Amino acid sequence: MGCQVDCGAAMRQLFDFLDEELTPERMTEVRAHLAKCSKCYPNYNFEKLFLEAVSAAGCESKAPEALRMRIVSALREAGFSSR
């Protein structure tokens, strides 16, 4: 298998993992890390359930641009980067 995934890499790639936008090899590596890491799994599980709840709500309107920009800024400050 390729390189190991550490906690930082797993969390930075969490949204891409949840959206299944990583390479198949990277999906396998992140999945393996999340399955064994008691520190990262709760974050993964929360985000997964959150996304499922948002999807189930069926919201069809978009957030105002100012709100979207604040969220993107907060995610960047937390270490997430856009693709």
N, C-alpha and C. Protein backbone atom coordinates (compact mmCIF):
# COMPACT_ATOMS: atom_id res chain seq x y z
N MET A 1 0.85 -1.18 0.00
CA MET A 1 0.00 0.00 0.00
C MET A 1 0.89 1.23 0.00
N GLY A 2 0.35 2.39 -0.41
CA GLY A 2 1.10 3.64 -0.48
C GLY A 2 1.43 4.20 0.88
N CYS A 3 1.62 5.49 0.93
CA CYS A 3 2.02 6.13 2.18
C CYS A 3 0.90 6.06 3.21
N GLN A 4 1.33 6.07 4.46
CA GLN A 4 0.37 6.04 5.57
C GLN A 4 -0.28 7.41 5.72
N VAL A 5 -1.47 7.44 6.26
CA VAL A 5 -2.20 8.67 6.51
C VAL A 5 -2.11 8.98 8.00
N ASP A 6 -1.64 10.20 8.33
CA ASP A 6 -1.63 10.60 9.74
C ASP A 6 -2.91 11.38 10.03
N CYS A 7 -3.08 11.75 11.29
CA CYS A 7 -4.31 12.44 11.71
C CYS A 7 -4.51 13.75 10.94
N GLY A 8 -3.46 14.53 10.80
CA GLY A 8 -3.57 15.80 10.10
C GLY A 8 -4.04 15.63 8.66
N ALA A 9 -3.44 14.68 7.96
CA ALA A 9 -3.82 14.42 6.57
C ALA A 9 -5.25 13.91 6.48
N ALA A 10 -5.63 13.04 7.41
CA ALA A 10 -6.99 12.50 7.40
C ALA A 10 -8.02 13.62 7.58
N MET A 11 -7.76 14.52 8.50
CA MET A 11 -8.72 15.61 8.75
C MET A 11 -8.73 16.63 7.61
N ARG A 12 -7.58 16.90 7.01
CA ARG A 12 -7.55 17.84 5.88
C ARG A 12 -8.29 17.27 4.67
N GLN A 13 -8.33 15.96 4.55
CA GLN A 13 -8.97 15.32 3.40
C GLN A 13 -10.36 14.77 3.73
N LEU A 14 -10.85 15.09 4.91
CA LEU A 14 -12.11 14.50 5.36
C LEU A 14 -13.28 14.82 4.43
N PHE A 15 -13.42 16.08 4.02
CA PHE A 15 -14.56 16.43 3.17
C PHE A 15 -14.45 15.78 1.80
N ASP A 16 -13.23 15.74 1.24
CA ASP A 16 -13.04 15.04 -0.03
C ASP A 16 -13.31 13.55 0.13
N PHE A 17 -12.93 12.98 1.27
CA PHE A 17 -13.21 11.57 1.55
C PHE A 17 -14.72 11.34 1.61
N LEU A 18 -15.43 12.18 2.35
CA LEU A 18 -16.88 12.02 2.49
C LEU A 18 -17.59 12.19 1.15
N ASP A 19 -17.04 13.03 0.29
CA ASP A 19 -17.62 13.23 -1.04
C ASP A 19 -17.10 12.22 -2.06
N GLU A 20 -16.25 11.29 -1.60
CA GLU A 20 -15.65 10.27 -2.45
C GLU A 20 -14.91 10.88 -3.64
N GLU A 21 -14.15 11.94 -3.37
CA GLU A 21 -13.43 12.65 -4.42
C GLU A 21 -11.92 12.39 -4.38
N LEU A 22 -11.48 11.46 -3.56
CA LEU A 22 -10.06 11.09 -3.52
C LEU A 22 -9.84 9.93 -4.48
N THR A 23 -8.57 9.67 -4.80
CA THR A 23 -8.26 8.50 -5.62
C THR A 23 -8.68 7.25 -4.86
N PRO A 24 -8.95 6.15 -5.57
CA PRO A 24 -9.32 4.92 -4.87
C PRO A 24 -8.29 4.50 -3.82
N GLU A 25 -7.00 4.64 -4.14
CA GLU A 25 -5.96 4.27 -3.18
C GLU A 25 -6.03 5.16 -1.93
N ARG A 26 -6.21 6.47 -2.15
CA ARG A 26 -6.26 7.40 -1.02
C ARG A 26 -7.52 7.17 -0.20
N MET A 27 -8.64 6.85 -0.85
CA MET A 27 -9.88 6.53 -0.12
C MET A 27 -9.62 5.36 0.83
N THR A 28 -8.92 4.33 0.33
CA THR A 28 -8.61 3.16 1.14
C THR A 28 -7.72 3.53 2.31
N GLU A 29 -6.72 4.37 2.08
CA GLU A 29 -5.79 4.77 3.14
C GLU A 29 -6.50 5.58 4.21
N VAL A 30 -7.32 6.54 3.80
CA VAL A 30 -8.04 7.37 4.78
C VAL A 30 -9.05 6.52 5.54
N ARG A 31 -9.76 5.65 4.84
CA ARG A 31 -10.73 4.75 5.48
C ARG A 31 -10.04 3.89 6.54
N ALA A 32 -8.87 3.35 6.21
CA ALA A 32 -8.13 2.52 7.16
C ALA A 32 -7.71 3.33 8.38
N HIS A 33 -7.28 4.56 8.17
CA HIS A 33 -6.89 5.41 9.29
C HIS A 33 -8.09 5.68 10.20
N LEU A 34 -9.21 6.07 9.60
CA LEU A 34 -10.40 6.39 10.38
C LEU A 34 -10.91 5.18 11.16
N ALA A 35 -10.76 4.00 10.59
CA ALA A 35 -11.24 2.78 11.25
C ALA A 35 -10.44 2.46 12.51
N LYS A 36 -9.18 2.88 12.56
CA LYS A 36 -8.35 2.51 13.71
C LYS A 36 -8.03 3.68 14.64
N CYS A 37 -8.34 4.91 14.25
CA CYS A 37 -7.93 6.07 15.04
C CYS A 37 -9.08 6.59 15.91
N SER A 38 -8.94 6.41 17.21
CA SER A 38 -9.98 6.86 18.13
C SER A 38 -10.04 8.39 18.25
N LYS A 39 -9.00 9.08 17.81
CA LYS A 39 -8.99 10.55 17.82
C LYS A 39 -9.75 11.11 16.61
N CYS A 40 -9.55 10.52 15.44
CA CYS A 40 -10.15 11.04 14.22
C CYS A 40 -11.57 10.53 13.97
N TYR A 41 -11.87 9.31 14.39
CA TYR A 41 -13.17 8.73 14.08
C TYR A 41 -14.34 9.58 14.56
N PRO A 42 -14.31 10.13 15.78
CA PRO A 42 -15.45 10.96 16.20
C PRO A 42 -15.67 12.17 15.29
N ASN A 43 -14.59 12.79 14.81
CA ASN A 43 -14.73 13.92 13.89
C ASN A 43 -15.36 13.46 12.58
N TYR A 44 -14.87 12.35 12.06
CA TYR A 44 -15.42 11.78 10.84
C TYR A 44 -16.91 11.47 11.01
N ASN A 45 -17.24 10.80 12.11
CA ASN A 45 -18.62 10.39 12.34
C ASN A 45 -19.54 11.60 12.47
N PHE A 46 -19.09 12.64 13.17
CA PHE A 46 -19.88 13.86 13.30
C PHE A 46 -20.13 14.49 11.94
N GLU A 47 -19.06 14.66 11.16
CA GLU A 47 -19.20 15.29 9.84
C GLU A 47 -20.09 14.47 8.92
N LYS A 48 -19.96 13.16 8.98
CA LYS A 48 -20.79 12.29 8.15
C LYS A 48 -22.26 12.45 8.52
N LEU A 49 -22.55 12.40 9.82
CA LEU A 49 -23.94 12.56 10.27
C LEU A 49 -24.48 13.95 9.96
N PHE A 50 -23.63 14.97 10.09
CA PHE A 50 -24.03 16.33 9.77
C PHE A 50 -24.41 16.45 8.30
N LEU A 51 -23.56 15.92 7.42
CA LEU A 51 -23.86 15.99 5.99
C LEU A 51 -25.12 15.21 5.64
N GLU A 52 -25.32 14.08 6.30
CA GLU A 52 -26.55 13.30 6.08
C GLU A 52 -27.78 14.09 6.51
N ALA A 53 -27.68 14.81 7.64
CA ALA A 53 -28.81 15.61 8.13
C ALA A 53 -29.10 16.77 7.19
N VAL A 54 -28.07 17.41 6.69
CA VAL A 54 -28.27 18.52 5.74
C VAL A 54 -28.93 17.99 4.48
N SER A 55 -28.45 16.86 4.00
CA SER A 55 -29.04 16.26 2.80
C SER A 55 -30.49 15.87 3.02
N ALA A 56 -30.79 15.32 4.19
CA ALA A 56 -32.16 14.90 4.49
C ALA A 56 -33.11 16.09 4.62
N ALA A 57 -32.56 17.25 5.01
CA ALA A 57 -33.39 18.44 5.16
C ALA A 57 -33.91 18.92 3.80
N GLY A 58 -33.20 18.56 2.74
CA GLY A 58 -33.66 18.90 1.40
C GLY A 58 -33.72 20.39 1.12
N CYS A 59 -32.84 21.13 1.71
CA CYS A 59 -32.81 22.57 1.49
C CYS A 59 -32.48 22.88 0.04
N GLU A 60 -33.34 23.66 -0.60
CA GLU A 60 -33.14 23.96 -2.01
C GLU A 60 -32.62 25.36 -2.26
N SER A 61 -32.52 26.19 -1.23
CA SER A 61 -32.02 27.54 -1.44
C SER A 61 -30.56 27.62 -1.05
N LYS A 62 -29.86 28.59 -1.61
CA LYS A 62 -28.44 28.77 -1.33
C LYS A 62 -28.28 29.76 -0.18
N ALA A 63 -27.18 29.59 0.53
CA ALA A 63 -26.83 30.53 1.60
C ALA A 63 -26.41 31.86 0.97
N PRO A 64 -26.64 32.97 1.67
CA PRO A 64 -26.18 34.26 1.15
C PRO A 64 -24.67 34.23 0.95
N GLU A 65 -24.19 34.95 -0.05
CA GLU A 65 -22.76 34.95 -0.38
C GLU A 65 -21.89 35.35 0.82
N ALA A 66 -22.32 36.32 1.60
CA ALA A 66 -21.53 36.76 2.76
C ALA A 66 -21.35 35.61 3.75
N LEU A 67 -22.39 34.83 3.98
CA LEU A 67 -22.30 33.69 4.88
C LEU A 67 -21.37 32.63 4.31
N ARG A 68 -21.51 32.36 3.03
CA ARG A 68 -20.64 31.38 2.38
C ARG A 68 -19.18 31.78 2.52
N MET A 69 -18.86 33.04 2.32
CA MET A 69 -17.48 33.52 2.42
C MET A 69 -16.96 33.40 3.85
N ARG A 70 -17.81 33.67 4.85
CA ARG A 70 -17.38 33.52 6.25
C ARG A 70 -17.07 32.07 6.57
N ILE A 71 -17.88 31.16 6.06
CA ILE A 71 -17.65 29.74 6.29
C ILE A 71 -16.36 29.28 5.62
N VAL A 72 -16.16 29.68 4.37
CA VAL A 72 -14.93 29.31 3.66
C VAL A 72 -13.72 29.87 4.39
N SER A 73 -13.80 31.10 4.86
CA SER A 73 -12.69 31.71 5.60
C SER A 73 -12.40 30.94 6.89
N ALA A 74 -13.44 30.58 7.62
CA ALA A 74 -13.27 29.83 8.86
C ALA A 74 -12.64 28.46 8.59
N LEU A 75 -13.05 27.81 7.52
CA LEU A 75 -12.47 26.51 7.18
C LEU A 75 -10.99 26.65 6.82
N ARG A 76 -10.65 27.69 6.09
CA ARG A 76 -9.24 27.91 5.74
C ARG A 76 -8.41 28.17 6.99
N GLU A 77 -8.93 28.98 7.91
CA GLU A 77 -8.22 29.26 9.15
C GLU A 77 -8.04 27.99 9.99
N ALA A 78 -8.97 27.04 9.85
CA ALA A 78 -8.88 25.79 10.58
C ALA A 78 -7.97 24.77 9.90
N GLY A 79 -7.41 25.16 8.74
CA GLY A 79 -6.46 24.28 8.08
C GLY A 79 -6.98 23.57 6.85
N PHE A 80 -8.24 23.80 6.51
CA PHE A 80 -8.78 23.18 5.28
C PHE A 80 -8.49 24.10 4.11
N SER A 81 -8.18 23.52 2.99
CA SER A 81 -7.90 24.33 1.80
C SER A 81 -8.82 23.92 0.67
N SER A 82 -9.11 24.86 -0.19
CA SER A 82 -9.95 24.52 -1.35
C SER A 82 -9.09 23.81 -2.38
N ARG A 83 -9.73 23.05 -3.21
CA ARG A 83 -9.01 22.29 -4.24
C ARG A 83 -8.54 23.16 -5.31
